[in-house]
Amino acid sequence: MIESGFHLEERADNQTECSYFVRKGKQIGIAIGAVGPGGGLIFWVNEDTENDLIALEVAPSGWHFGNESDPTIVWGTSDEFTFPKMKKAVGSGLRNCEVIDESDFLCPALLQIDLVSIGDFDDWHLPSVDELQLIYENLHSLGLGNLTGEQYWSSTPVFSPFVYSIIFSDGEQMMSNVQMAFSVRPIRQIRRD
């Protein structure tokens, strides 16, 4: 949601159609690489203007209790899990995390995110693998976001005991055992009120 006094204003400028986040009269552009309402960077903008999902924001560097490095943690404490088929697509990370939270499976990677409030928002979650790929392509590969980890977890299980992760040196998607320790960086959805 666009919370904490933000609202969305859509209008045309002299050259292009633009949308803005507005807070206390200040315009904040909705563009990849722009700072979002939670203080992180926008890494995806929805081109479907009829959809309630406007954009996705990755948490800022230092999100984990002020540590500049992203925490490295196992995805699961057990290599046996059964989840309904979860999605890889952009926009599905939140639902994947809700399914994990509703299960009896202990996911330390997700628990680390649940412990913090970032930029006055508490709706941060692990990205789906396609969302994580966009963080790599739209931010990290351009030197943005200060993503310090070598490999990052997604919220998308493949099959027990494997979950998708991405190597941030080259953007390669991997099927990784849940008991391996990789970095996590949460994201949040920015939605219309």
N, C-alpha and C. Protein backbone atom coordinates (compact mmCIF):
# COMPACT_ATOMS: atom_id res chain seq x y z
N MET A 1 0.83 -1.18 0.00
CA MET A 1 0.00 0.00 0.00
C MET A 1 0.87 1.24 0.00
N ILE A 2 0.35 2.29 -0.52
CA ILE A 2 1.02 3.58 -0.41
C ILE A 2 0.53 4.17 0.89
N GLU A 3 1.40 4.08 1.91
CA GLU A 3 0.99 4.43 3.26
C GLU A 3 1.75 5.64 3.75
N SER A 4 1.65 5.93 5.02
CA SER A 4 2.40 7.00 5.68
C SER A 4 2.28 8.34 4.96
N GLY A 5 1.08 8.68 4.53
CA GLY A 5 0.88 9.98 3.93
C GLY A 5 1.17 10.05 2.44
N PHE A 6 1.57 8.94 1.82
CA PHE A 6 1.81 8.93 0.39
C PHE A 6 0.49 8.74 -0.34
N HIS A 7 0.38 9.31 -1.50
CA HIS A 7 -0.70 8.96 -2.41
C HIS A 7 -0.16 9.02 -3.83
N LEU A 8 -0.86 8.43 -4.76
CA LEU A 8 -0.41 8.38 -6.14
C LEU A 8 -1.11 9.46 -6.93
N GLU A 9 -0.34 10.16 -7.73
CA GLU A 9 -0.87 11.19 -8.61
C GLU A 9 -0.39 10.88 -10.01
N GLU A 10 -1.30 10.77 -10.96
CA GLU A 10 -0.91 10.47 -12.33
C GLU A 10 -1.25 11.67 -13.20
N ARG A 11 -0.27 12.07 -14.02
CA ARG A 11 -0.51 13.19 -14.92
C ARG A 11 0.57 13.20 -15.99
N ALA A 12 0.33 13.98 -17.01
CA ALA A 12 1.30 14.10 -18.09
C ALA A 12 2.18 15.32 -17.87
N ASP A 13 3.46 15.17 -18.21
CA ASP A 13 4.32 16.35 -18.22
C ASP A 13 4.51 16.76 -19.68
N ASN A 14 5.49 17.56 -19.98
CA ASN A 14 5.66 18.06 -21.34
C ASN A 14 6.02 16.99 -22.36
N GLN A 15 6.69 15.92 -21.92
CA GLN A 15 7.19 14.95 -22.88
C GLN A 15 6.62 13.55 -22.71
N THR A 16 6.34 13.12 -21.51
CA THR A 16 5.92 11.74 -21.30
C THR A 16 4.81 11.67 -20.27
N GLU A 17 4.14 10.53 -20.27
CA GLU A 17 3.19 10.25 -19.20
C GLU A 17 3.99 9.87 -17.97
N CYS A 18 3.71 10.48 -16.84
CA CYS A 18 4.46 10.19 -15.62
C CYS A 18 3.50 9.94 -14.47
N SER A 19 3.93 9.11 -13.57
CA SER A 19 3.22 8.92 -12.31
C SER A 19 4.17 9.32 -11.21
N TYR A 20 3.62 9.79 -10.12
CA TYR A 20 4.44 10.25 -9.01
C TYR A 20 3.86 9.75 -7.70
N PHE A 21 4.73 9.48 -6.74
CA PHE A 21 4.31 9.35 -5.36
C PHE A 21 4.36 10.77 -4.83
N VAL A 22 3.37 11.15 -4.06
CA VAL A 22 3.36 12.49 -3.50
C VAL A 22 3.26 12.38 -1.99
N ARG A 23 4.15 13.03 -1.29
CA ARG A 23 4.09 13.07 0.16
C ARG A 23 4.39 14.49 0.59
N LYS A 24 3.45 15.06 1.30
CA LYS A 24 3.60 16.42 1.80
C LYS A 24 4.03 17.38 0.69
N GLY A 25 3.41 17.21 -0.48
CA GLY A 25 3.66 18.11 -1.59
C GLY A 25 4.89 17.80 -2.41
N LYS A 26 5.71 16.83 -2.01
CA LYS A 26 6.93 16.51 -2.75
C LYS A 26 6.67 15.35 -3.70
N GLN A 27 7.06 15.51 -4.96
CA GLN A 27 6.88 14.46 -5.94
C GLN A 27 8.07 13.51 -5.92
N ILE A 28 7.78 12.23 -5.97
CA ILE A 28 8.82 11.21 -6.06
C ILE A 28 8.48 10.37 -7.28
N GLY A 29 9.33 10.39 -8.29
CA GLY A 29 9.04 9.69 -9.53
C GLY A 29 8.96 8.19 -9.35
N ILE A 30 8.06 7.56 -10.09
CA ILE A 30 7.95 6.11 -10.10
C ILE A 30 8.76 5.63 -11.29
N ALA A 31 9.97 5.22 -11.04
CA ALA A 31 10.84 4.73 -12.10
C ALA A 31 11.82 3.74 -11.50
N ILE A 32 12.29 2.83 -12.31
CA ILE A 32 13.29 1.88 -11.84
C ILE A 32 14.51 2.66 -11.37
N GLY A 33 14.97 2.33 -10.18
CA GLY A 33 16.11 3.01 -9.58
C GLY A 33 15.75 4.17 -8.68
N ALA A 34 14.48 4.62 -8.73
CA ALA A 34 14.04 5.72 -7.86
C ALA A 34 13.84 5.21 -6.44
N VAL A 35 13.93 6.10 -5.48
CA VAL A 35 13.68 5.75 -4.08
C VAL A 35 12.17 5.63 -3.86
N GLY A 36 11.75 4.53 -3.27
CA GLY A 36 10.33 4.28 -3.02
C GLY A 36 9.91 4.75 -1.65
N PRO A 37 8.63 4.60 -1.32
CA PRO A 37 8.10 5.05 -0.03
C PRO A 37 8.77 4.41 1.18
N GLY A 38 9.29 3.19 1.05
CA GLY A 38 9.95 2.51 2.16
C GLY A 38 11.43 2.82 2.28
N GLY A 39 11.94 3.69 1.42
CA GLY A 39 13.35 4.06 1.46
C GLY A 39 14.25 3.19 0.62
N GLY A 40 13.69 2.15 0.01
CA GLY A 40 14.47 1.28 -0.88
C GLY A 40 14.38 1.77 -2.31
N LEU A 41 14.84 0.94 -3.24
CA LEU A 41 14.82 1.30 -4.65
C LEU A 41 13.73 0.55 -5.40
N ILE A 42 13.07 1.27 -6.30
CA ILE A 42 12.08 0.65 -7.18
C ILE A 42 12.85 -0.20 -8.20
N PHE A 43 12.45 -1.48 -8.34
CA PHE A 43 13.12 -2.33 -9.32
C PHE A 43 12.19 -2.84 -10.41
N TRP A 44 10.90 -2.56 -10.28
CA TRP A 44 9.92 -2.95 -11.30
C TRP A 44 8.75 -2.00 -11.21
N VAL A 45 8.27 -1.57 -12.38
CA VAL A 45 7.09 -0.70 -12.47
C VAL A 45 6.09 -1.41 -13.37
N ASN A 46 4.85 -1.51 -12.91
CA ASN A 46 3.80 -2.17 -13.66
C ASN A 46 3.33 -1.28 -14.80
N GLU A 47 3.38 -1.79 -16.01
CA GLU A 47 2.91 -1.03 -17.17
C GLU A 47 1.40 -1.09 -17.31
N ASP A 48 0.76 -2.03 -16.61
CA ASP A 48 -0.70 -2.16 -16.64
C ASP A 48 -1.29 -1.16 -15.66
N THR A 49 -1.77 -0.04 -16.17
CA THR A 49 -2.27 1.03 -15.30
C THR A 49 -3.61 0.69 -14.66
N GLU A 50 -4.25 -0.40 -15.07
CA GLU A 50 -5.52 -0.81 -14.48
C GLU A 50 -5.31 -1.71 -13.26
N ASN A 51 -4.10 -2.17 -13.05
CA ASN A 51 -3.78 -3.09 -11.96
C ASN A 51 -3.53 -2.31 -10.67
N ASP A 52 -3.92 -2.87 -9.53
CA ASP A 52 -3.67 -2.23 -8.24
C ASP A 52 -2.20 -2.26 -7.84
N LEU A 53 -1.45 -3.22 -8.37
CA LEU A 53 -0.02 -3.30 -8.09
C LEU A 53 0.71 -2.30 -8.97
N ILE A 54 1.31 -1.28 -8.34
CA ILE A 54 1.97 -0.20 -9.07
C ILE A 54 3.43 -0.53 -9.35
N ALA A 55 4.15 -0.96 -8.31
CA ALA A 55 5.59 -1.17 -8.43
C ALA A 55 6.07 -2.09 -7.32
N LEU A 56 7.32 -2.52 -7.44
CA LEU A 56 7.98 -3.31 -6.41
C LEU A 56 9.24 -2.58 -5.96
N GLU A 57 9.47 -2.61 -4.66
CA GLU A 57 10.59 -1.90 -4.04
C GLU A 57 11.44 -2.89 -3.25
N VAL A 58 12.75 -2.83 -3.43
CA VAL A 58 13.66 -3.66 -2.64
C VAL A 58 14.12 -2.85 -1.44
N ALA A 59 14.27 -3.50 -0.31
CA ALA A 59 14.67 -2.81 0.93
C ALA A 59 16.02 -2.12 0.76
N PRO A 60 16.22 -1.03 1.48
CA PRO A 60 17.50 -0.32 1.37
C PRO A 60 18.63 -1.09 2.05
N SER A 61 19.84 -0.78 1.64
CA SER A 61 21.02 -1.31 2.32
C SER A 61 20.93 -0.92 3.79
N GLY A 62 21.32 -1.82 4.67
CA GLY A 62 21.24 -1.55 6.10
C GLY A 62 19.90 -1.92 6.71
N TRP A 63 19.04 -2.58 5.95
CA TRP A 63 17.70 -2.94 6.42
C TRP A 63 17.74 -3.85 7.64
N HIS A 64 18.76 -4.67 7.75
CA HIS A 64 18.83 -5.67 8.81
C HIS A 64 19.56 -5.11 10.02
N PHE A 65 18.84 -4.38 10.85
CA PHE A 65 19.35 -3.81 12.09
C PHE A 65 20.56 -2.90 11.86
N GLY A 66 20.58 -2.22 10.71
CA GLY A 66 21.64 -1.27 10.41
C GLY A 66 22.91 -1.87 9.83
N ASN A 67 22.97 -3.19 9.72
CA ASN A 67 24.15 -3.83 9.13
C ASN A 67 24.18 -3.57 7.63
N GLU A 68 25.29 -3.09 7.12
CA GLU A 68 25.39 -2.80 5.69
C GLU A 68 25.35 -4.07 4.84
N SER A 69 25.83 -5.17 5.37
CA SER A 69 25.79 -6.43 4.63
C SER A 69 24.46 -7.12 4.87
N ASP A 70 23.93 -7.72 3.81
CA ASP A 70 22.70 -8.50 3.96
C ASP A 70 23.00 -9.76 4.76
N PRO A 71 22.06 -10.17 5.64
CA PRO A 71 22.31 -11.37 6.44
C PRO A 71 22.38 -12.62 5.56
N THR A 72 23.22 -13.55 5.96
CA THR A 72 23.34 -14.84 5.30
C THR A 72 22.73 -15.87 6.23
N ILE A 73 21.76 -16.62 5.69
CA ILE A 73 20.98 -17.51 6.55
C ILE A 73 20.43 -18.67 5.73
N VAL A 74 20.13 -19.77 6.41
CA VAL A 74 19.50 -20.90 5.73
C VAL A 74 18.05 -20.55 5.41
N TRP A 75 17.50 -21.18 4.37
CA TRP A 75 16.11 -20.95 4.00
C TRP A 75 15.20 -21.79 4.89
N GLY A 76 15.64 -23.02 5.19
CA GLY A 76 14.83 -23.91 6.00
C GLY A 76 15.67 -24.73 6.96
N THR A 77 15.06 -25.16 8.05
CA THR A 77 15.77 -25.97 9.04
C THR A 77 15.58 -27.46 8.78
N SER A 78 14.66 -27.80 7.91
CA SER A 78 14.41 -29.18 7.54
C SER A 78 14.43 -29.26 6.02
N ASP A 79 14.95 -30.37 5.48
CA ASP A 79 14.96 -30.47 4.02
C ASP A 79 13.72 -31.19 3.49
N GLU A 80 12.72 -31.33 4.34
CA GLU A 80 11.46 -31.93 3.90
C GLU A 80 10.33 -30.94 4.09
N PHE A 81 9.68 -30.61 2.99
CA PHE A 81 8.53 -29.72 3.06
C PHE A 81 7.58 -30.05 1.92
N THR A 82 6.34 -29.71 2.14
CA THR A 82 5.32 -29.88 1.12
C THR A 82 4.51 -28.60 1.06
N PHE A 83 4.59 -27.93 -0.05
CA PHE A 83 3.80 -26.72 -0.27
C PHE A 83 2.99 -26.93 -1.54
N PRO A 84 1.85 -26.27 -1.65
CA PRO A 84 1.18 -26.28 -2.94
C PRO A 84 2.11 -25.60 -3.94
N LYS A 85 1.89 -25.83 -5.21
CA LYS A 85 2.74 -25.22 -6.23
C LYS A 85 2.75 -23.71 -6.04
N MET A 86 3.94 -23.16 -5.88
CA MET A 86 4.08 -21.71 -5.72
C MET A 86 4.59 -21.11 -7.00
N LYS A 87 4.36 -19.83 -7.15
CA LYS A 87 4.64 -19.17 -8.42
C LYS A 87 6.01 -18.51 -8.44
N LYS A 88 6.51 -18.38 -9.66
CA LYS A 88 7.78 -17.70 -9.92
C LYS A 88 7.55 -16.26 -10.35
N ALA A 89 6.37 -15.94 -10.82
CA ALA A 89 6.09 -14.69 -11.54
C ALA A 89 6.24 -13.44 -10.69
N VAL A 90 6.45 -12.33 -11.38
CA VAL A 90 6.48 -11.02 -10.74
C VAL A 90 5.13 -10.78 -10.08
N GLY A 91 5.16 -10.35 -8.83
CA GLY A 91 3.94 -10.11 -8.07
C GLY A 91 3.53 -11.27 -7.18
N SER A 92 4.20 -12.41 -7.29
CA SER A 92 3.79 -13.60 -6.52
C SER A 92 4.60 -13.82 -5.24
N GLY A 93 5.64 -13.06 -5.01
CA GLY A 93 6.47 -13.25 -3.81
C GLY A 93 5.70 -13.14 -2.52
N LEU A 94 4.82 -12.15 -2.44
CA LEU A 94 4.03 -11.95 -1.22
C LEU A 94 3.17 -13.17 -0.93
N ARG A 95 2.46 -13.67 -1.93
CA ARG A 95 1.60 -14.84 -1.71
C ARG A 95 2.42 -16.07 -1.35
N ASN A 96 3.57 -16.25 -1.99
CA ASN A 96 4.44 -17.37 -1.63
C ASN A 96 4.79 -17.31 -0.14
N CYS A 97 5.14 -16.13 0.34
CA CYS A 97 5.51 -15.97 1.76
C CYS A 97 4.32 -16.20 2.68
N GLU A 98 3.14 -15.80 2.25
CA GLU A 98 1.94 -16.06 3.06
C GLU A 98 1.71 -17.56 3.19
N VAL A 99 1.91 -18.30 2.10
CA VAL A 99 1.75 -19.76 2.15
C VAL A 99 2.77 -20.38 3.10
N ILE A 100 4.01 -19.91 3.05
CA ILE A 100 5.05 -20.42 3.96
C ILE A 100 4.67 -20.10 5.41
N ASP A 101 4.24 -18.85 5.67
CA ASP A 101 3.85 -18.45 7.03
C ASP A 101 2.68 -19.28 7.56
N GLU A 102 1.75 -19.66 6.69
CA GLU A 102 0.57 -20.41 7.10
C GLU A 102 0.88 -21.89 7.35
N SER A 103 2.04 -22.33 6.91
CA SER A 103 2.42 -23.74 7.08
C SER A 103 3.13 -23.94 8.42
N ASP A 104 3.48 -25.17 8.71
CA ASP A 104 4.25 -25.48 9.91
C ASP A 104 5.75 -25.43 9.66
N PHE A 105 6.15 -25.10 8.44
CA PHE A 105 7.56 -25.11 8.06
C PHE A 105 8.28 -23.90 8.64
N LEU A 106 9.43 -24.12 9.25
CA LEU A 106 10.23 -23.04 9.82
C LEU A 106 11.19 -22.51 8.75
N CYS A 107 11.01 -21.26 8.36
CA CYS A 107 11.82 -20.62 7.33
C CYS A 107 12.60 -19.46 7.95
N PRO A 108 13.83 -19.71 8.45
CA PRO A 108 14.61 -18.64 9.08
C PRO A 108 14.83 -17.42 8.19
N ALA A 109 14.96 -17.63 6.89
CA ALA A 109 15.16 -16.50 5.98
C ALA A 109 13.97 -15.54 6.05
N LEU A 110 12.78 -16.09 6.10
CA LEU A 110 11.58 -15.27 6.19
C LEU A 110 11.42 -14.68 7.59
N LEU A 111 11.79 -15.44 8.60
CA LEU A 111 11.70 -14.94 9.98
C LEU A 111 12.57 -13.71 10.20
N GLN A 112 13.74 -13.65 9.58
CA GLN A 112 14.61 -12.47 9.71
C GLN A 112 13.92 -11.22 9.19
N ILE A 113 13.18 -11.38 8.11
CA ILE A 113 12.45 -10.25 7.53
C ILE A 113 11.29 -9.85 8.43
N ASP A 114 10.61 -10.83 9.01
CA ASP A 114 9.47 -10.55 9.89
C ASP A 114 9.88 -9.80 11.16
N LEU A 115 11.16 -9.85 11.52
CA LEU A 115 11.64 -9.20 12.75
C LEU A 115 11.78 -7.69 12.62
N VAL A 116 11.82 -7.18 11.41
CA VAL A 116 12.14 -5.76 11.23
C VAL A 116 11.00 -4.98 10.58
N SER A 117 10.99 -3.71 10.87
CA SER A 117 10.12 -2.75 10.20
C SER A 117 11.06 -1.80 9.47
N ILE A 118 10.85 -1.63 8.19
CA ILE A 118 11.76 -0.83 7.38
C ILE A 118 10.98 0.35 6.81
N GLY A 119 11.45 1.56 7.11
CA GLY A 119 10.78 2.74 6.58
C GLY A 119 9.34 2.85 7.01
N ASP A 120 9.03 2.46 8.22
CA ASP A 120 7.67 2.49 8.77
C ASP A 120 6.72 1.49 8.12
N PHE A 121 7.24 0.53 7.37
CA PHE A 121 6.41 -0.49 6.73
C PHE A 121 6.79 -1.85 7.30
N ASP A 122 5.78 -2.71 7.46
CA ASP A 122 6.05 -4.05 7.97
C ASP A 122 5.54 -5.13 7.02
N ASP A 123 5.38 -4.77 5.75
CA ASP A 123 4.86 -5.71 4.76
C ASP A 123 5.95 -6.23 3.81
N TRP A 124 7.18 -6.26 4.29
CA TRP A 124 8.30 -6.74 3.49
C TRP A 124 8.27 -8.27 3.44
N HIS A 125 8.76 -8.83 2.35
CA HIS A 125 8.74 -10.28 2.17
C HIS A 125 9.87 -10.71 1.23
N LEU A 126 10.12 -12.01 1.15
CA LEU A 126 11.09 -12.53 0.19
C LEU A 126 10.54 -12.40 -1.22
N PRO A 127 11.38 -12.06 -2.18
CA PRO A 127 10.90 -11.98 -3.57
C PRO A 127 10.73 -13.36 -4.19
N SER A 128 9.81 -13.46 -5.15
CA SER A 128 9.75 -14.67 -5.97
C SER A 128 11.03 -14.72 -6.81
N VAL A 129 11.28 -15.83 -7.47
CA VAL A 129 12.52 -15.93 -8.25
C VAL A 129 12.53 -14.95 -9.41
N ASP A 130 11.38 -14.71 -10.05
CA ASP A 130 11.34 -13.73 -11.15
C ASP A 130 11.54 -12.31 -10.63
N GLU A 131 11.02 -12.01 -9.44
CA GLU A 131 11.25 -10.70 -8.83
C GLU A 131 12.73 -10.53 -8.49
N LEU A 132 13.33 -11.58 -7.94
CA LEU A 132 14.75 -11.54 -7.60
C LEU A 132 15.60 -11.35 -8.85
N GLN A 133 15.20 -11.99 -9.95
CA GLN A 133 15.92 -11.82 -11.22
C GLN A 133 15.88 -10.36 -11.67
N LEU A 134 14.74 -9.71 -11.49
CA LEU A 134 14.63 -8.29 -11.86
C LEU A 134 15.48 -7.40 -10.97
N ILE A 135 15.63 -7.76 -9.70
CA ILE A 135 16.53 -7.00 -8.82
C ILE A 135 17.95 -7.09 -9.37
N TYR A 136 18.33 -8.29 -9.77
CA TYR A 136 19.66 -8.47 -10.36
C TYR A 136 19.80 -7.64 -11.64
N GLU A 137 18.85 -7.78 -12.56
CA GLU A 137 18.95 -7.13 -13.87
C GLU A 137 18.80 -5.62 -13.81
N ASN A 138 17.82 -5.14 -13.05
CA ASN A 138 17.48 -3.71 -13.07
C ASN A 138 18.25 -2.87 -12.06
N LEU A 139 18.84 -3.50 -11.06
CA LEU A 139 19.58 -2.74 -10.05
C LEU A 139 21.03 -3.21 -9.93
N HIS A 140 21.22 -4.45 -9.48
CA HIS A 140 22.57 -4.93 -9.17
C HIS A 140 23.52 -4.86 -10.37
N SER A 141 23.06 -5.29 -11.54
CA SER A 141 23.94 -5.29 -12.72
C SER A 141 24.34 -3.87 -13.13
N LEU A 142 23.61 -2.87 -12.64
CA LEU A 142 23.92 -1.46 -12.92
C LEU A 142 24.65 -0.80 -11.75
N GLY A 143 25.00 -1.59 -10.74
CA GLY A 143 25.72 -1.06 -9.59
C GLY A 143 24.83 -0.37 -8.57
N LEU A 144 23.53 -0.63 -8.61
CA LEU A 144 22.58 0.00 -7.69
C LEU A 144 22.14 -0.97 -6.60
N GLY A 145 21.77 -0.46 -5.45
CA GLY A 145 21.16 -1.26 -4.39
C GLY A 145 22.11 -1.80 -3.35
N ASN A 146 23.40 -1.73 -3.58
CA ASN A 146 24.39 -2.22 -2.61
C ASN A 146 24.05 -3.64 -2.15
N LEU A 147 23.77 -4.51 -3.10
CA LEU A 147 23.48 -5.91 -2.80
C LEU A 147 24.81 -6.63 -2.65
N THR A 148 25.19 -6.88 -1.41
CA THR A 148 26.54 -7.35 -1.08
C THR A 148 26.69 -8.86 -1.10
N GLY A 149 25.60 -9.58 -1.11
CA GLY A 149 25.68 -11.04 -1.05
C GLY A 149 26.09 -11.65 -2.38
N GLU A 150 26.65 -12.86 -2.30
CA GLU A 150 27.03 -13.58 -3.50
C GLU A 150 25.85 -14.31 -4.12
N GLN A 151 24.95 -14.81 -3.27
CA GLN A 151 23.80 -15.57 -3.74
C GLN A 151 22.62 -15.24 -2.83
N TYR A 152 21.43 -15.06 -3.43
CA TYR A 152 20.25 -14.62 -2.69
C TYR A 152 19.13 -15.64 -2.82
N TRP A 153 18.38 -15.80 -1.71
CA TRP A 153 17.21 -16.68 -1.68
C TRP A 153 16.00 -15.99 -2.29
N SER A 154 15.15 -16.80 -2.93
CA SER A 154 13.82 -16.35 -3.35
C SER A 154 12.79 -17.01 -2.43
N SER A 155 11.53 -16.71 -2.67
CA SER A 155 10.43 -17.34 -1.92
C SER A 155 9.83 -18.51 -2.69
N THR A 156 10.47 -18.91 -3.79
CA THR A 156 9.89 -19.90 -4.69
C THR A 156 10.53 -21.28 -4.53
N PRO A 157 9.85 -22.21 -3.83
CA PRO A 157 10.36 -23.58 -3.76
C PRO A 157 10.24 -24.26 -5.13
N VAL A 158 11.17 -25.17 -5.40
CA VAL A 158 11.11 -25.96 -6.62
C VAL A 158 10.41 -27.28 -6.27
N PHE A 159 11.05 -28.09 -5.47
CA PHE A 159 10.52 -29.30 -4.86
C PHE A 159 11.44 -29.61 -3.70
N SER A 160 10.94 -30.33 -2.72
CA SER A 160 11.71 -30.60 -1.51
C SER A 160 12.99 -31.36 -1.88
N PRO A 161 14.14 -30.92 -1.44
CA PRO A 161 14.47 -29.83 -0.53
C PRO A 161 15.03 -28.59 -1.23
N PHE A 162 14.58 -28.28 -2.44
CA PHE A 162 15.20 -27.21 -3.23
C PHE A 162 14.32 -25.98 -3.39
N VAL A 163 14.97 -24.82 -3.32
CA VAL A 163 14.33 -23.51 -3.51
C VAL A 163 15.19 -22.75 -4.51
N TYR A 164 14.55 -21.91 -5.32
CA TYR A 164 15.32 -21.10 -6.26
C TYR A 164 16.14 -20.04 -5.54
N SER A 165 17.36 -19.87 -6.00
CA SER A 165 18.23 -18.78 -5.56
C SER A 165 18.88 -18.21 -6.81
N ILE A 166 19.50 -17.06 -6.68
CA ILE A 166 20.20 -16.45 -7.81
C ILE A 166 21.60 -16.04 -7.37
N ILE A 167 22.58 -16.40 -8.21
CA ILE A 167 23.96 -15.99 -8.00
C ILE A 167 24.10 -14.57 -8.53
N PHE A 168 24.52 -13.64 -7.68
CA PHE A 168 24.55 -12.24 -8.08
C PHE A 168 25.83 -11.81 -8.80
N SER A 169 26.76 -12.72 -9.05
CA SER A 169 27.91 -12.37 -9.88
C SER A 169 27.56 -12.45 -11.36
N ASP A 170 26.57 -13.32 -11.71
CA ASP A 170 26.22 -13.48 -13.12
C ASP A 170 24.71 -13.61 -13.39
N GLY A 171 23.88 -13.60 -12.36
CA GLY A 171 22.43 -13.67 -12.55
C GLY A 171 21.89 -15.06 -12.79
N GLU A 172 22.70 -16.09 -12.59
CA GLU A 172 22.26 -17.46 -12.84
C GLU A 172 21.29 -17.94 -11.76
N GLN A 173 20.17 -18.52 -12.21
CA GLN A 173 19.21 -19.12 -11.28
C GLN A 173 19.67 -20.52 -10.91
N MET A 174 19.56 -20.84 -9.63
CA MET A 174 19.98 -22.14 -9.13
C MET A 174 18.84 -22.78 -8.33
N MET A 175 18.84 -24.12 -8.29
CA MET A 175 17.99 -24.86 -7.37
C MET A 175 18.90 -25.22 -6.20
N SER A 176 18.66 -24.62 -5.04
CA SER A 176 19.58 -24.76 -3.91
C SER A 176 18.91 -25.47 -2.74
N ASN A 177 19.67 -26.30 -2.05
CA ASN A 177 19.17 -27.00 -0.87
C ASN A 177 18.85 -25.97 0.21
N VAL A 178 17.71 -26.12 0.86
CA VAL A 178 17.24 -25.14 1.85
C VAL A 178 18.16 -24.99 3.05
N GLN A 179 19.03 -25.97 3.29
CA GLN A 179 19.91 -25.90 4.45
C GLN A 179 21.25 -25.22 4.14
N MET A 180 21.37 -24.67 2.94
CA MET A 180 22.54 -23.87 2.61
C MET A 180 22.26 -22.43 3.06
N ALA A 181 23.31 -21.69 3.35
CA ALA A 181 23.14 -20.31 3.83
C ALA A 181 23.46 -19.33 2.70
N PHE A 182 22.45 -18.52 2.34
CA PHE A 182 22.61 -17.47 1.34
C PHE A 182 22.05 -16.17 1.90
N SER A 183 22.26 -15.09 1.18
CA SER A 183 21.80 -13.77 1.61
C SER A 183 20.31 -13.61 1.36
N VAL A 184 19.70 -12.70 2.11
CA VAL A 184 18.30 -12.31 1.89
C VAL A 184 18.21 -10.79 1.83
N ARG A 185 17.33 -10.32 0.94
CA ARG A 185 17.01 -8.89 0.86
C ARG A 185 15.51 -8.82 0.55
N PRO A 186 14.72 -8.26 1.46
CA PRO A 186 13.27 -8.24 1.27
C PRO A 186 12.81 -7.20 0.24
N ILE A 187 11.58 -7.41 -0.19
CA ILE A 187 10.92 -6.46 -1.09
C ILE A 187 9.53 -6.16 -0.52
N ARG A 188 8.87 -5.18 -1.12
CA ARG A 188 7.48 -4.91 -0.78
C ARG A 188 6.73 -4.47 -2.03
N GLN A 189 5.44 -4.69 -2.01
CA GLN A 189 4.57 -4.24 -3.09
C GLN A 189 4.09 -2.83 -2.79
N ILE A 190 4.05 -2.01 -3.82
CA ILE A 190 3.46 -0.68 -3.72
C ILE A 190 2.15 -0.75 -4.49
N ARG A 191 1.05 -0.58 -3.78
CA ARG A 191 -0.28 -0.75 -4.37
C ARG A 191 -1.09 0.52 -4.24
N ARG A 192 -2.08 0.62 -5.10
CA ARG A 192 -3.03 1.73 -4.99
C ARG A 192 -3.85 1.56 -3.73
N ASP A 193 -4.27 2.66 -3.14
CA ASP A 193 -5.12 2.60 -1.94
C ASP A 193 -6.45 1.96 -2.24
